[in-house]
N, C-alpha and C. Protein backbone atom coordinates (compact mmCIF):
# COMPACT_ATOMS: atom_id res chain seq x y z
N MET A 1 -35.00 46.85 -25.77
CA MET A 1 -34.46 48.04 -25.39
C MET A 1 -34.50 48.07 -23.77
N SER A 2 -33.59 48.77 -23.17
CA SER A 2 -33.26 48.70 -21.86
C SER A 2 -34.00 49.87 -21.14
N GLU A 3 -34.26 49.70 -19.85
CA GLU A 3 -34.87 50.90 -19.17
C GLU A 3 -33.97 51.81 -19.00
N ASP A 4 -34.41 53.08 -18.51
CA ASP A 4 -33.40 54.10 -18.36
C ASP A 4 -32.42 54.08 -17.26
N LYS A 5 -32.94 53.62 -16.14
CA LYS A 5 -32.03 53.61 -14.99
C LYS A 5 -32.31 52.41 -14.04
N LEU A 6 -31.39 51.63 -13.72
CA LEU A 6 -31.65 50.39 -12.85
C LEU A 6 -31.98 50.78 -11.45
N ARG A 7 -33.02 50.12 -11.06
CA ARG A 7 -33.39 50.18 -9.50
C ARG A 7 -32.85 49.08 -8.88
N LYS A 8 -32.00 49.29 -7.81
CA LYS A 8 -31.39 48.13 -7.12
C LYS A 8 -32.39 47.13 -6.65
N CYS A 9 -33.49 47.53 -6.12
CA CYS A 9 -34.51 46.66 -5.60
C CYS A 9 -35.16 45.70 -6.63
N ASP A 10 -34.88 46.12 -7.95
CA ASP A 10 -35.67 45.33 -8.97
C ASP A 10 -34.57 44.04 -9.56
N TRP A 11 -33.44 44.11 -9.00
CA TRP A 11 -32.36 43.13 -9.61
C TRP A 11 -31.74 42.47 -8.36
N VAL A 12 -31.21 41.16 -8.80
CA VAL A 12 -30.58 40.40 -7.87
C VAL A 12 -29.34 39.74 -8.48
N VAL A 13 -28.27 39.55 -7.88
CA VAL A 13 -26.97 38.79 -8.42
C VAL A 13 -26.83 37.50 -7.56
N VAL A 14 -26.82 36.24 -8.20
CA VAL A 14 -26.63 35.06 -7.51
C VAL A 14 -25.54 34.15 -8.23
N PRO A 15 -25.03 33.21 -7.75
CA PRO A 15 -24.13 32.28 -8.40
C PRO A 15 -24.87 31.51 -9.57
N ILE A 16 -24.17 31.15 -10.71
CA ILE A 16 -24.79 30.48 -11.74
C ILE A 16 -23.80 29.51 -12.34
N SER A 17 -24.27 28.69 -13.16
CA SER A 17 -23.45 27.52 -13.72
C SER A 17 -22.37 28.20 -14.84
N ILE A 18 -21.43 27.50 -15.09
CA ILE A 18 -20.31 27.99 -15.93
C ILE A 18 -21.00 27.81 -17.35
N GLU A 19 -21.89 26.96 -17.70
CA GLU A 19 -22.57 26.92 -18.95
C GLU A 19 -23.48 28.04 -19.23
N THR A 20 -24.14 28.49 -18.32
CA THR A 20 -25.02 29.80 -18.47
C THR A 20 -23.93 30.91 -18.69
N ALA A 21 -22.96 30.93 -17.79
CA ALA A 21 -22.02 32.13 -17.91
C ALA A 21 -21.34 32.14 -19.38
N ARG A 22 -21.15 30.90 -19.97
CA ARG A 22 -20.59 30.99 -21.22
C ARG A 22 -21.39 31.37 -22.28
N ARG A 23 -22.77 31.24 -22.13
CA ARG A 23 -23.78 31.52 -23.11
C ARG A 23 -23.98 32.90 -23.05
N ILE A 24 -23.92 33.60 -21.88
CA ILE A 24 -24.11 35.05 -21.80
C ILE A 24 -22.89 35.88 -22.41
N VAL A 25 -21.64 35.37 -22.18
CA VAL A 25 -20.40 35.75 -22.79
C VAL A 25 -20.37 35.71 -24.17
N THR A 26 -20.79 34.60 -24.72
CA THR A 26 -20.88 34.35 -26.09
C THR A 26 -21.81 35.35 -26.78
N GLU A 27 -22.77 35.60 -26.19
CA GLU A 27 -23.82 36.55 -26.80
C GLU A 27 -23.64 37.85 -26.60
N PHE A 28 -22.94 38.30 -25.53
CA PHE A 28 -22.97 39.61 -25.27
C PHE A 28 -21.61 40.34 -25.01
N HIS A 29 -20.53 39.51 -25.07
CA HIS A 29 -19.19 40.10 -24.67
C HIS A 29 -18.32 40.04 -26.02
N TYR A 30 -17.50 41.06 -26.26
CA TYR A 30 -16.86 41.20 -27.50
C TYR A 30 -15.86 40.06 -27.77
N SER A 31 -15.40 39.22 -26.70
CA SER A 31 -14.46 38.18 -26.76
C SER A 31 -15.22 37.02 -27.44
N LYS A 32 -16.65 36.86 -27.25
CA LYS A 32 -17.37 35.81 -27.72
C LYS A 32 -16.81 34.35 -27.14
N GLY A 33 -16.02 34.41 -26.12
CA GLY A 33 -15.78 33.00 -25.51
C GLY A 33 -14.91 33.24 -24.09
N ALA A 34 -14.77 32.14 -23.37
CA ALA A 34 -14.08 32.16 -22.18
C ALA A 34 -13.40 30.84 -21.88
N THR A 35 -12.67 30.75 -20.81
CA THR A 35 -11.88 29.64 -20.46
C THR A 35 -12.99 28.44 -19.92
N ASN A 36 -12.56 27.30 -19.62
CA ASN A 36 -13.23 26.23 -19.11
C ASN A 36 -13.24 26.16 -17.61
N THR A 37 -12.73 27.02 -16.90
CA THR A 37 -12.60 26.93 -15.45
C THR A 37 -13.17 28.31 -14.93
N ARG A 38 -13.42 28.39 -13.75
CA ARG A 38 -13.82 29.43 -12.95
C ARG A 38 -13.79 29.40 -11.51
N VAL A 39 -13.52 30.34 -10.82
CA VAL A 39 -13.75 30.35 -9.25
C VAL A 39 -15.21 30.70 -9.00
N TYR A 40 -15.55 31.89 -9.61
CA TYR A 40 -16.96 32.33 -9.42
C TYR A 40 -17.56 32.79 -10.78
N THR A 41 -18.80 32.49 -10.99
CA THR A 41 -19.57 32.99 -12.00
C THR A 41 -20.89 33.40 -11.35
N HIS A 42 -21.15 34.71 -11.36
CA HIS A 42 -22.37 35.29 -10.79
C HIS A 42 -23.23 35.93 -11.75
N GLY A 43 -24.48 35.62 -11.78
CA GLY A 43 -25.36 36.05 -12.77
C GLY A 43 -26.40 37.16 -12.28
N LEU A 44 -26.90 37.98 -13.36
CA LEU A 44 -27.82 39.05 -12.96
C LEU A 44 -29.25 38.63 -13.39
N PHE A 45 -30.21 38.82 -12.44
CA PHE A 45 -31.59 38.45 -12.75
C PHE A 45 -32.42 39.61 -12.28
N ARG A 46 -33.72 39.60 -12.94
CA ARG A 46 -34.78 40.55 -12.39
C ARG A 46 -35.15 39.84 -11.14
N ASN A 47 -35.27 40.78 -10.06
CA ASN A 47 -36.03 40.35 -8.75
C ASN A 47 -37.33 40.16 -8.86
N GLY A 48 -37.93 38.95 -8.34
CA GLY A 48 -39.26 38.76 -8.39
C GLY A 48 -39.53 37.70 -9.34
N GLU A 49 -38.77 37.54 -10.30
CA GLU A 49 -38.90 36.50 -11.35
C GLU A 49 -38.25 35.31 -10.66
N GLU A 50 -38.73 34.02 -11.11
CA GLU A 50 -38.18 32.77 -10.69
C GLU A 50 -36.80 32.74 -11.21
N ILE A 51 -35.84 32.40 -10.23
CA ILE A 51 -34.46 32.32 -10.74
C ILE A 51 -34.04 31.29 -11.49
N MET A 52 -34.35 31.11 -12.78
CA MET A 52 -34.09 30.17 -13.80
C MET A 52 -32.82 30.78 -14.44
N GLU A 53 -31.93 30.06 -14.81
CA GLU A 53 -30.86 30.28 -15.52
C GLU A 53 -31.05 30.91 -16.97
N ALA A 54 -32.15 30.34 -17.48
CA ALA A 54 -32.54 30.82 -18.63
C ALA A 54 -32.94 32.12 -18.76
N ASN A 55 -33.32 32.85 -17.58
CA ASN A 55 -33.69 34.18 -17.35
C ASN A 55 -32.48 35.17 -17.11
N CYS A 56 -31.20 34.50 -17.04
CA CYS A 56 -30.02 35.40 -16.70
C CYS A 56 -29.64 36.40 -17.84
N LEU A 57 -29.33 37.70 -17.29
CA LEU A 57 -29.22 38.83 -18.25
C LEU A 57 -27.89 39.43 -18.00
N GLY A 58 -26.85 38.74 -17.21
CA GLY A 58 -25.55 39.24 -17.21
C GLY A 58 -24.64 38.21 -16.41
N VAL A 59 -23.29 38.52 -16.40
CA VAL A 59 -22.44 37.62 -15.81
C VAL A 59 -21.31 38.37 -15.43
N ALA A 60 -20.76 38.02 -14.14
CA ALA A 60 -19.33 38.35 -13.77
C ALA A 60 -18.58 37.07 -13.50
N TRP A 61 -17.48 36.93 -14.34
CA TRP A 61 -16.74 35.68 -14.28
C TRP A 61 -15.29 36.04 -13.72
N TRP A 62 -14.98 35.08 -12.66
CA TRP A 62 -13.70 35.25 -11.97
C TRP A 62 -12.76 34.10 -11.93
N LEU A 63 -11.63 34.16 -12.04
CA LEU A 63 -10.64 33.09 -11.94
C LEU A 63 -9.18 33.73 -11.61
N PRO A 64 -8.37 32.85 -11.14
CA PRO A 64 -7.00 33.38 -10.77
C PRO A 64 -6.21 33.85 -11.85
N PRO A 65 -5.44 35.01 -11.84
CA PRO A 65 -4.78 35.37 -12.81
C PRO A 65 -3.42 34.57 -13.00
N THR A 66 -2.57 34.72 -13.84
CA THR A 66 -1.18 34.17 -13.99
C THR A 66 -0.54 34.70 -12.64
N LYS A 67 0.52 33.81 -12.34
CA LYS A 67 1.39 34.15 -11.17
C LYS A 67 2.09 35.54 -11.20
N ASN A 68 2.71 35.80 -12.58
CA ASN A 68 3.27 37.09 -12.86
C ASN A 68 2.34 38.19 -12.60
N ALA A 69 1.25 37.97 -13.09
CA ALA A 69 0.15 39.12 -12.97
C ALA A 69 -0.39 39.44 -11.64
N ALA A 70 -0.29 38.29 -10.71
CA ALA A 70 -0.75 38.41 -9.41
C ALA A 70 0.34 39.04 -8.69
N ILE A 71 1.69 38.70 -8.75
CA ILE A 71 2.72 39.38 -8.10
C ILE A 71 2.91 40.85 -8.46
N ALA A 72 2.57 41.06 -9.71
CA ALA A 72 2.75 42.64 -10.03
C ALA A 72 1.61 43.33 -9.61
N THR A 73 0.55 42.75 -9.15
CA THR A 73 -0.59 43.53 -8.66
C THR A 73 -0.78 43.60 -7.09
N TRP A 74 -0.15 42.76 -6.41
CA TRP A 74 -0.45 42.54 -5.04
C TRP A 74 1.01 42.27 -4.25
N LYS A 75 1.18 42.97 -3.14
CA LYS A 75 2.54 42.68 -2.42
C LYS A 75 2.23 41.76 -1.33
N GLY A 76 1.11 41.37 -1.10
CA GLY A 76 0.73 40.18 -0.17
C GLY A 76 1.00 38.89 -0.97
N GLU A 77 0.33 37.76 -0.53
CA GLU A 77 0.29 36.51 -1.03
C GLU A 77 -0.35 36.49 -2.44
N TRP A 78 0.53 36.00 -3.35
CA TRP A 78 -0.02 36.20 -4.71
C TRP A 78 -1.05 35.17 -5.09
N ARG A 79 -1.26 34.23 -4.20
CA ARG A 79 -2.15 33.24 -4.43
C ARG A 79 -3.57 33.70 -3.94
N LYS A 80 -3.62 34.99 -3.40
CA LYS A 80 -4.83 35.45 -2.77
C LYS A 80 -5.38 36.44 -3.83
N VAL A 81 -4.80 36.53 -5.03
CA VAL A 81 -5.55 37.43 -6.13
C VAL A 81 -6.33 36.74 -6.99
N LEU A 82 -7.36 37.37 -7.26
CA LEU A 82 -8.50 36.96 -8.12
C LEU A 82 -8.77 37.85 -9.29
N SER A 83 -8.96 37.42 -10.59
CA SER A 83 -9.15 38.33 -11.74
C SER A 83 -10.59 38.22 -12.15
N LEU A 84 -11.07 39.36 -12.50
CA LEU A 84 -12.34 39.53 -13.29
C LEU A 84 -12.04 39.34 -14.68
N THR A 85 -12.30 38.26 -15.33
CA THR A 85 -11.92 37.93 -16.69
C THR A 85 -12.92 38.24 -17.75
N ARG A 86 -14.24 38.20 -17.27
CA ARG A 86 -15.42 38.57 -18.06
C ARG A 86 -16.47 39.32 -17.43
N LEU A 87 -17.03 40.42 -17.95
CA LEU A 87 -18.29 41.04 -17.42
C LEU A 87 -19.07 41.51 -18.60
N ALA A 88 -20.38 40.85 -18.62
CA ALA A 88 -21.07 40.99 -19.80
C ALA A 88 -22.70 41.24 -19.35
N ILE A 89 -23.36 41.92 -20.16
CA ILE A 89 -24.67 42.20 -19.76
C ILE A 89 -25.61 42.20 -21.03
N SER A 90 -26.82 41.81 -20.95
CA SER A 90 -27.72 41.88 -22.09
C SER A 90 -28.06 43.44 -22.34
N PRO A 91 -28.32 43.70 -23.67
CA PRO A 91 -28.74 45.18 -23.91
C PRO A 91 -30.17 45.52 -23.30
N LEU A 92 -30.84 44.41 -22.71
CA LEU A 92 -32.13 44.79 -22.01
C LEU A 92 -31.93 45.19 -20.75
N VAL A 93 -30.66 45.25 -20.11
CA VAL A 93 -30.39 45.82 -18.76
C VAL A 93 -30.11 47.18 -18.85
N PRO A 94 -30.59 48.10 -17.89
CA PRO A 94 -30.27 49.31 -17.81
C PRO A 94 -28.82 49.76 -17.89
N LYS A 95 -28.44 50.82 -18.31
CA LYS A 95 -27.09 51.23 -18.58
C LYS A 95 -26.17 51.03 -17.33
N ASN A 96 -26.83 51.42 -16.10
CA ASN A 96 -25.93 51.20 -15.00
C ASN A 96 -26.03 49.86 -14.37
N GLY A 97 -26.40 48.99 -15.11
CA GLY A 97 -26.60 47.56 -14.70
C GLY A 97 -25.23 46.93 -14.66
N ALA A 98 -24.37 47.12 -15.44
CA ALA A 98 -23.03 46.45 -15.14
C ALA A 98 -22.35 46.84 -14.00
N SER A 99 -22.37 48.21 -13.46
CA SER A 99 -21.87 48.47 -12.17
C SER A 99 -22.57 47.92 -11.03
N PHE A 100 -23.88 47.81 -11.02
CA PHE A 100 -24.52 47.08 -10.09
C PHE A 100 -24.20 45.61 -9.97
N LEU A 101 -24.08 44.83 -11.21
CA LEU A 101 -23.54 43.54 -11.27
C LEU A 101 -22.38 43.32 -10.67
N LEU A 102 -21.37 44.12 -10.97
CA LEU A 102 -20.08 44.11 -10.42
C LEU A 102 -19.87 44.22 -8.97
N SER A 103 -20.60 45.31 -8.51
CA SER A 103 -20.58 45.59 -7.00
C SER A 103 -21.16 44.38 -6.20
N GLN A 104 -22.22 43.84 -6.69
CA GLN A 104 -22.94 42.66 -6.06
C GLN A 104 -22.15 41.42 -6.15
N SER A 105 -21.46 41.40 -7.16
CA SER A 105 -20.60 40.20 -7.40
C SER A 105 -19.35 40.23 -6.37
N ILE A 106 -18.90 41.39 -6.29
CA ILE A 106 -17.78 41.49 -5.37
C ILE A 106 -18.09 41.09 -3.82
N ASN A 107 -19.37 41.51 -3.58
CA ASN A 107 -19.96 41.29 -2.24
C ASN A 107 -20.09 39.64 -2.18
N LEU A 108 -20.29 38.88 -3.13
CA LEU A 108 -20.34 37.41 -3.00
C LEU A 108 -19.02 36.72 -2.87
N ILE A 109 -17.75 37.46 -2.91
CA ILE A 109 -16.47 36.92 -3.06
C ILE A 109 -16.01 36.84 -1.57
N ASP A 110 -15.41 35.52 -1.25
CA ASP A 110 -14.92 35.38 0.09
C ASP A 110 -13.62 36.18 0.27
N ALA A 111 -13.75 37.18 1.12
CA ALA A 111 -12.66 38.04 1.45
C ALA A 111 -11.51 37.44 2.26
N GLU A 112 -11.80 36.43 2.93
CA GLU A 112 -10.92 35.70 3.76
C GLU A 112 -9.93 34.91 2.85
N LYS A 113 -10.47 34.41 1.76
CA LYS A 113 -9.73 33.49 0.79
C LYS A 113 -9.07 34.45 -0.29
N TRP A 114 -9.71 35.45 -0.70
CA TRP A 114 -9.10 36.37 -1.85
C TRP A 114 -9.03 37.90 -1.24
N HIS A 115 -7.80 38.21 -1.24
CA HIS A 115 -7.39 39.57 -0.60
C HIS A 115 -7.34 40.72 -1.68
N CYS A 116 -7.17 40.47 -3.03
CA CYS A 116 -7.12 41.59 -3.88
C CYS A 116 -7.69 41.00 -5.23
N LEU A 117 -8.35 42.03 -5.98
CA LEU A 117 -9.02 41.63 -7.30
C LEU A 117 -8.29 42.41 -8.28
N VAL A 118 -8.20 41.93 -9.47
CA VAL A 118 -7.50 42.77 -10.70
C VAL A 118 -8.42 42.55 -11.81
N THR A 119 -8.35 43.54 -12.78
CA THR A 119 -9.00 43.41 -13.90
C THR A 119 -8.42 44.34 -15.02
N TYR A 120 -8.75 44.40 -16.13
CA TYR A 120 -8.25 45.10 -17.39
C TYR A 120 -9.25 45.65 -18.28
N ALA A 121 -8.92 46.93 -18.83
CA ALA A 121 -9.79 47.42 -19.91
C ALA A 121 -9.02 47.43 -21.15
N ASP A 122 -9.68 46.88 -22.18
CA ASP A 122 -8.98 46.68 -23.40
C ASP A 122 -8.91 48.05 -24.42
N THR A 123 -7.91 48.49 -24.66
CA THR A 123 -7.76 49.72 -25.52
C THR A 123 -8.30 49.46 -26.88
N TRP A 124 -8.07 48.31 -27.37
CA TRP A 124 -8.43 47.86 -28.78
C TRP A 124 -9.99 48.01 -28.90
N GLN A 125 -10.63 47.92 -27.88
CA GLN A 125 -12.06 48.11 -27.80
C GLN A 125 -12.53 49.54 -27.35
N ASN A 126 -11.42 50.41 -27.23
CA ASN A 126 -11.72 51.68 -26.78
C ASN A 126 -12.18 51.78 -25.43
N HIS A 127 -12.03 50.74 -24.66
CA HIS A 127 -12.36 50.93 -23.23
C HIS A 127 -11.45 51.67 -22.23
N THR A 128 -11.92 52.48 -21.47
CA THR A 128 -10.98 53.29 -20.62
C THR A 128 -11.27 52.70 -19.17
N GLY A 129 -12.07 51.80 -18.81
CA GLY A 129 -12.16 51.18 -17.57
C GLY A 129 -13.26 52.13 -16.72
N ALA A 130 -14.13 53.00 -17.32
CA ALA A 130 -14.94 53.88 -16.54
C ALA A 130 -15.91 53.06 -15.39
N ILE A 131 -16.24 51.84 -15.76
CA ILE A 131 -17.08 51.13 -14.88
C ILE A 131 -16.24 50.85 -13.56
N TYR A 132 -14.87 50.64 -13.80
CA TYR A 132 -14.13 50.39 -12.57
C TYR A 132 -14.01 51.62 -11.66
N LYS A 133 -13.74 52.90 -12.18
CA LYS A 133 -13.85 54.10 -11.62
C LYS A 133 -15.01 54.10 -10.79
N ALA A 134 -16.27 53.81 -11.43
CA ALA A 134 -17.54 54.08 -10.80
C ALA A 134 -17.69 53.20 -9.67
N THR A 135 -16.99 51.95 -9.70
CA THR A 135 -17.21 51.09 -8.50
C THR A 135 -15.89 51.04 -7.59
N ASN A 136 -15.14 52.09 -7.66
CA ASN A 136 -14.06 52.36 -6.73
C ASN A 136 -12.77 51.37 -6.80
N TRP A 137 -12.56 51.03 -7.98
CA TRP A 137 -11.23 50.38 -8.17
C TRP A 137 -10.14 51.28 -8.26
N GLU A 138 -8.95 50.77 -8.11
CA GLU A 138 -7.79 51.61 -8.09
C GLU A 138 -6.92 51.51 -9.35
N TYR A 139 -6.73 52.55 -10.04
CA TYR A 139 -6.05 52.41 -11.36
C TYR A 139 -4.62 52.25 -11.19
N MET A 140 -4.05 51.34 -11.74
CA MET A 140 -2.57 50.84 -11.81
C MET A 140 -1.77 51.15 -12.83
N GLY A 141 -2.23 51.81 -13.92
CA GLY A 141 -1.45 52.20 -15.00
C GLY A 141 -1.65 51.19 -16.17
N GLU A 142 -0.90 51.36 -17.19
CA GLU A 142 -0.88 50.67 -18.54
C GLU A 142 -0.09 49.34 -18.52
N THR A 143 -0.42 48.46 -19.22
CA THR A 143 0.26 47.20 -19.26
C THR A 143 1.14 47.40 -20.69
N LYS A 144 2.14 46.49 -20.72
CA LYS A 144 2.87 46.50 -21.99
C LYS A 144 1.97 45.91 -23.10
N PRO A 145 2.24 46.39 -24.40
CA PRO A 145 1.26 45.84 -25.38
C PRO A 145 1.40 44.50 -25.58
N SER A 146 0.21 43.70 -25.87
CA SER A 146 0.27 42.33 -25.92
C SER A 146 -0.64 41.96 -27.16
N PRO A 147 -0.46 40.88 -27.96
CA PRO A 147 -1.10 40.64 -29.07
C PRO A 147 -2.56 40.25 -28.93
N VAL A 148 -3.40 40.49 -29.79
CA VAL A 148 -4.83 39.86 -29.77
C VAL A 148 -4.98 39.06 -30.80
N PHE A 149 -5.51 37.95 -30.68
CA PHE A 149 -5.86 36.84 -31.61
C PHE A 149 -7.36 36.66 -31.90
N GLN A 150 -7.77 36.59 -33.02
CA GLN A 150 -9.31 36.74 -33.27
C GLN A 150 -9.55 35.82 -34.54
N ASN A 151 -10.60 35.04 -34.63
CA ASN A 151 -11.11 34.28 -35.75
C ASN A 151 -12.04 35.03 -36.57
N LYS A 152 -12.40 34.48 -37.56
CA LYS A 152 -13.13 35.16 -38.60
C LYS A 152 -14.62 35.53 -38.01
N ASP A 153 -15.13 34.78 -37.07
CA ASP A 153 -16.35 34.99 -36.28
C ASP A 153 -16.03 36.04 -35.16
N GLY A 154 -15.11 36.57 -35.02
CA GLY A 154 -14.85 37.64 -34.07
C GLY A 154 -14.51 37.09 -32.57
N LYS A 155 -14.27 35.72 -32.46
CA LYS A 155 -13.99 35.19 -31.20
C LYS A 155 -12.51 35.32 -30.99
N MET A 156 -12.23 35.59 -29.71
CA MET A 156 -10.84 35.89 -29.34
C MET A 156 -10.40 34.61 -28.55
N MET A 157 -8.98 34.41 -28.62
CA MET A 157 -8.26 33.38 -27.92
C MET A 157 -6.88 33.92 -27.45
N GLY A 158 -6.66 33.65 -26.09
CA GLY A 158 -5.38 33.99 -25.75
C GLY A 158 -4.53 32.76 -25.95
N ARG A 159 -3.05 33.17 -25.74
CA ARG A 159 -2.14 32.18 -26.19
C ARG A 159 -2.08 31.05 -25.07
N LYS A 160 -2.36 31.47 -23.85
CA LYS A 160 -2.32 30.41 -22.71
C LYS A 160 -3.53 29.54 -22.67
N ARG A 161 -3.45 28.29 -22.77
CA ARG A 161 -4.42 27.40 -22.70
C ARG A 161 -4.06 26.24 -21.74
N GLY A 162 -4.65 26.27 -20.49
CA GLY A 162 -4.31 25.26 -19.45
C GLY A 162 -3.04 25.64 -18.99
N GLY A 163 -2.11 24.43 -18.95
CA GLY A 163 -0.62 24.80 -18.68
C GLY A 163 0.33 24.95 -19.93
N LYS A 164 -0.34 25.12 -21.01
CA LYS A 164 0.50 25.38 -22.32
C LYS A 164 0.27 26.88 -22.82
N ASN A 165 1.37 27.26 -23.46
CA ASN A 165 1.34 28.61 -24.18
C ASN A 165 1.30 28.11 -25.69
N LEU A 166 0.22 28.41 -26.41
CA LEU A 166 0.07 28.14 -27.88
C LEU A 166 0.98 29.02 -28.58
N THR A 167 1.69 28.53 -29.64
CA THR A 167 2.42 29.28 -30.46
C THR A 167 1.63 29.98 -31.52
N VAL A 168 2.08 31.02 -32.21
CA VAL A 168 1.42 31.76 -33.12
C VAL A 168 0.95 30.92 -34.21
N ALA A 169 1.93 29.92 -34.70
CA ALA A 169 1.65 28.84 -35.70
C ALA A 169 0.34 27.96 -35.27
N GLU A 170 0.23 27.60 -33.90
CA GLU A 170 -0.68 26.75 -33.45
C GLU A 170 -2.05 27.60 -33.48
N LEU A 171 -1.94 28.87 -33.11
CA LEU A 171 -3.17 29.64 -33.08
C LEU A 171 -3.65 29.83 -34.46
N LYS A 172 -2.83 29.98 -35.41
CA LYS A 172 -3.22 30.07 -36.85
C LYS A 172 -3.78 28.92 -37.43
N GLU A 173 -3.36 27.74 -36.90
CA GLU A 173 -3.99 26.44 -37.41
C GLU A 173 -5.40 26.24 -36.91
N LEU A 174 -5.60 27.00 -35.77
CA LEU A 174 -6.99 26.93 -35.22
C LEU A 174 -7.90 28.04 -35.74
N GLY A 175 -7.32 28.70 -36.62
CA GLY A 175 -8.14 29.85 -37.29
C GLY A 175 -8.07 31.17 -36.51
N PHE A 176 -6.98 31.41 -35.72
CA PHE A 176 -7.01 32.74 -35.16
C PHE A 176 -5.63 33.52 -35.72
N GLU A 177 -5.99 34.66 -35.99
CA GLU A 177 -4.96 35.64 -36.57
C GLU A 177 -4.78 36.68 -35.54
N ASN A 178 -3.40 37.17 -35.64
CA ASN A 178 -3.01 38.14 -34.75
C ASN A 178 -3.46 39.61 -35.37
N ILE A 179 -4.31 40.27 -34.80
CA ILE A 179 -4.87 41.66 -35.25
C ILE A 179 -4.20 42.69 -34.79
N GLY A 180 -3.16 42.70 -33.99
CA GLY A 180 -2.15 43.70 -33.61
C GLY A 180 -1.90 43.45 -32.05
N SER A 181 -1.06 44.33 -31.47
CA SER A 181 -0.64 44.35 -30.10
C SER A 181 -1.22 45.72 -29.55
N PHE A 182 -1.82 45.55 -28.31
CA PHE A 182 -2.58 46.74 -27.63
C PHE A 182 -2.17 46.78 -26.19
N ILE A 183 -2.12 47.85 -25.66
CA ILE A 183 -2.05 48.04 -24.19
C ILE A 183 -3.44 47.90 -23.59
N LYS A 184 -3.34 47.63 -22.18
CA LYS A 184 -4.65 47.50 -21.33
C LYS A 184 -4.37 48.45 -20.20
N HIS A 185 -5.56 49.07 -19.77
CA HIS A 185 -5.62 49.73 -18.48
C HIS A 185 -5.91 48.77 -17.30
N LYS A 186 -4.94 48.85 -16.32
CA LYS A 186 -5.13 47.80 -15.33
C LYS A 186 -5.62 48.41 -14.04
N PHE A 187 -6.46 47.81 -13.31
CA PHE A 187 -7.22 48.19 -11.99
C PHE A 187 -7.03 47.16 -11.00
N ARG A 188 -7.12 47.56 -9.84
CA ARG A 188 -7.30 46.31 -8.59
C ARG A 188 -8.19 47.01 -7.56
N PHE A 189 -8.72 45.91 -6.91
CA PHE A 189 -9.75 46.34 -5.82
C PHE A 189 -9.21 45.39 -4.69
N VAL A 190 -8.90 46.20 -3.46
CA VAL A 190 -8.33 45.46 -2.44
C VAL A 190 -9.48 44.95 -1.56
N LEU A 191 -9.67 43.70 -1.28
CA LEU A 191 -10.59 43.20 -0.24
C LEU A 191 -10.21 43.04 1.25
N LYS A 192 -9.03 42.83 1.36
CA LYS A 192 -8.34 42.65 2.62
C LYS A 192 -7.12 43.31 2.78
N SER A 193 -6.74 44.09 3.75
CA SER A 193 -5.50 44.67 3.90
C SER A 193 -4.44 43.81 4.25
N GLY A 194 -3.18 44.15 3.83
CA GLY A 194 -2.10 43.25 4.05
C GLY A 194 -0.90 43.37 3.10
N GLY A 195 -1.04 43.93 1.99
CA GLY A 195 0.03 44.17 1.05
C GLY A 195 0.25 45.77 1.10
N LYS A 196 1.36 46.10 0.74
CA LYS A 196 1.75 47.46 0.62
C LYS A 196 1.42 48.04 -0.81
N LYS A 197 0.94 49.21 -0.80
CA LYS A 197 0.54 49.82 -2.14
C LYS A 197 1.82 50.30 -2.90
N ARG A 198 1.55 50.12 -4.11
CA ARG A 198 2.73 50.53 -5.07
C ARG A 198 2.87 51.87 -5.19
N LYS A 199 3.80 52.56 -4.36
CA LYS A 199 4.03 54.02 -4.41
C LYS A 199 4.08 54.50 -5.88
N GLU A 200 4.83 53.62 -6.64
CA GLU A 200 5.08 54.32 -7.87
C GLU A 200 3.66 54.26 -8.97
N LYS A 201 2.76 53.63 -8.37
CA LYS A 201 1.51 53.67 -9.27
C LYS A 201 0.55 54.83 -8.63
N ASP A 202 0.86 55.91 -8.46
CA ASP A 202 0.08 56.88 -7.78
C ASP A 202 -0.80 57.79 -8.90
N LEU A 203 -0.66 57.33 -10.17
CA LEU A 203 -1.27 58.15 -11.16
C LEU A 203 -2.73 57.88 -11.06
N THR A 204 -3.71 58.97 -10.91
CA THR A 204 -5.10 58.66 -10.69
C THR A 204 -5.86 58.27 -12.11
N TYR A 205 -6.97 57.90 -11.87
CA TYR A 205 -7.89 57.78 -13.05
C TYR A 205 -8.21 59.02 -13.69
N LYS A 206 -8.44 60.15 -12.67
CA LYS A 206 -8.93 61.28 -13.06
C LYS A 206 -7.92 62.08 -13.88
N THR A 207 -6.66 61.97 -13.63
CA THR A 207 -5.53 62.44 -14.33
C THR A 207 -5.50 62.11 -15.79
N LEU A 208 -5.84 60.80 -16.10
CA LEU A 208 -5.89 60.31 -17.39
C LEU A 208 -7.13 60.61 -18.17
N PHE A 209 -8.31 60.45 -17.49
CA PHE A 209 -9.58 60.34 -18.24
C PHE A 209 -10.47 61.41 -17.75
N GLY A 210 -10.27 62.34 -16.67
CA GLY A 210 -11.07 63.31 -16.29
C GLY A 210 -12.32 62.53 -15.56
N ASP A 211 -13.51 63.28 -15.49
CA ASP A 211 -14.49 62.94 -14.75
C ASP A 211 -15.65 62.17 -15.48
N GLY A 212 -15.38 62.01 -16.85
CA GLY A 212 -16.32 61.54 -17.60
C GLY A 212 -16.49 59.98 -17.62
N MET A 213 -17.54 59.44 -17.72
CA MET A 213 -17.81 58.05 -17.61
C MET A 213 -17.59 57.36 -19.15
């Protein structure tokens, strides 16, 4: 059972191995899986404990988005866009632990190399992106519906693997079924100025979701 409220002085966020990141995602994220690559994987630990990866209680996982997604997000250099692909924490962490982990993780990103961050909230999981509102991300609107593939164990898999796009038949052979197509809520966080804001995306989070978390 988690504590009622996280105290910042009691927790620390540091880089972790991709193996530990994958363990956390498998245990605590609804996707139950992740890619084999990363730019950053940052882990959440209790401050004062020995920083052993076995004690990790959360992860923020970052990697570049697709070229099209980057271009649609940032008017600057598309190679400067980084995507938050997984954010997961143990139920032992206080409720505001995810916001703390995300904020601290962003502080560890090289803002000279990466100018803009992007992430998505999955509506098929009833996510509205409240955590991104709480950490000052900019709401960019809804994506077009995209298919979600899941196996019998609940693990998700995207169609893109490395440089190849898997067909529906190939995914089915691997044990993944299309459970439907869903929109996502898109958010971005600007680390370094340089690109023009998309004026057509001036719909605020509050307009859609109000003040609730």
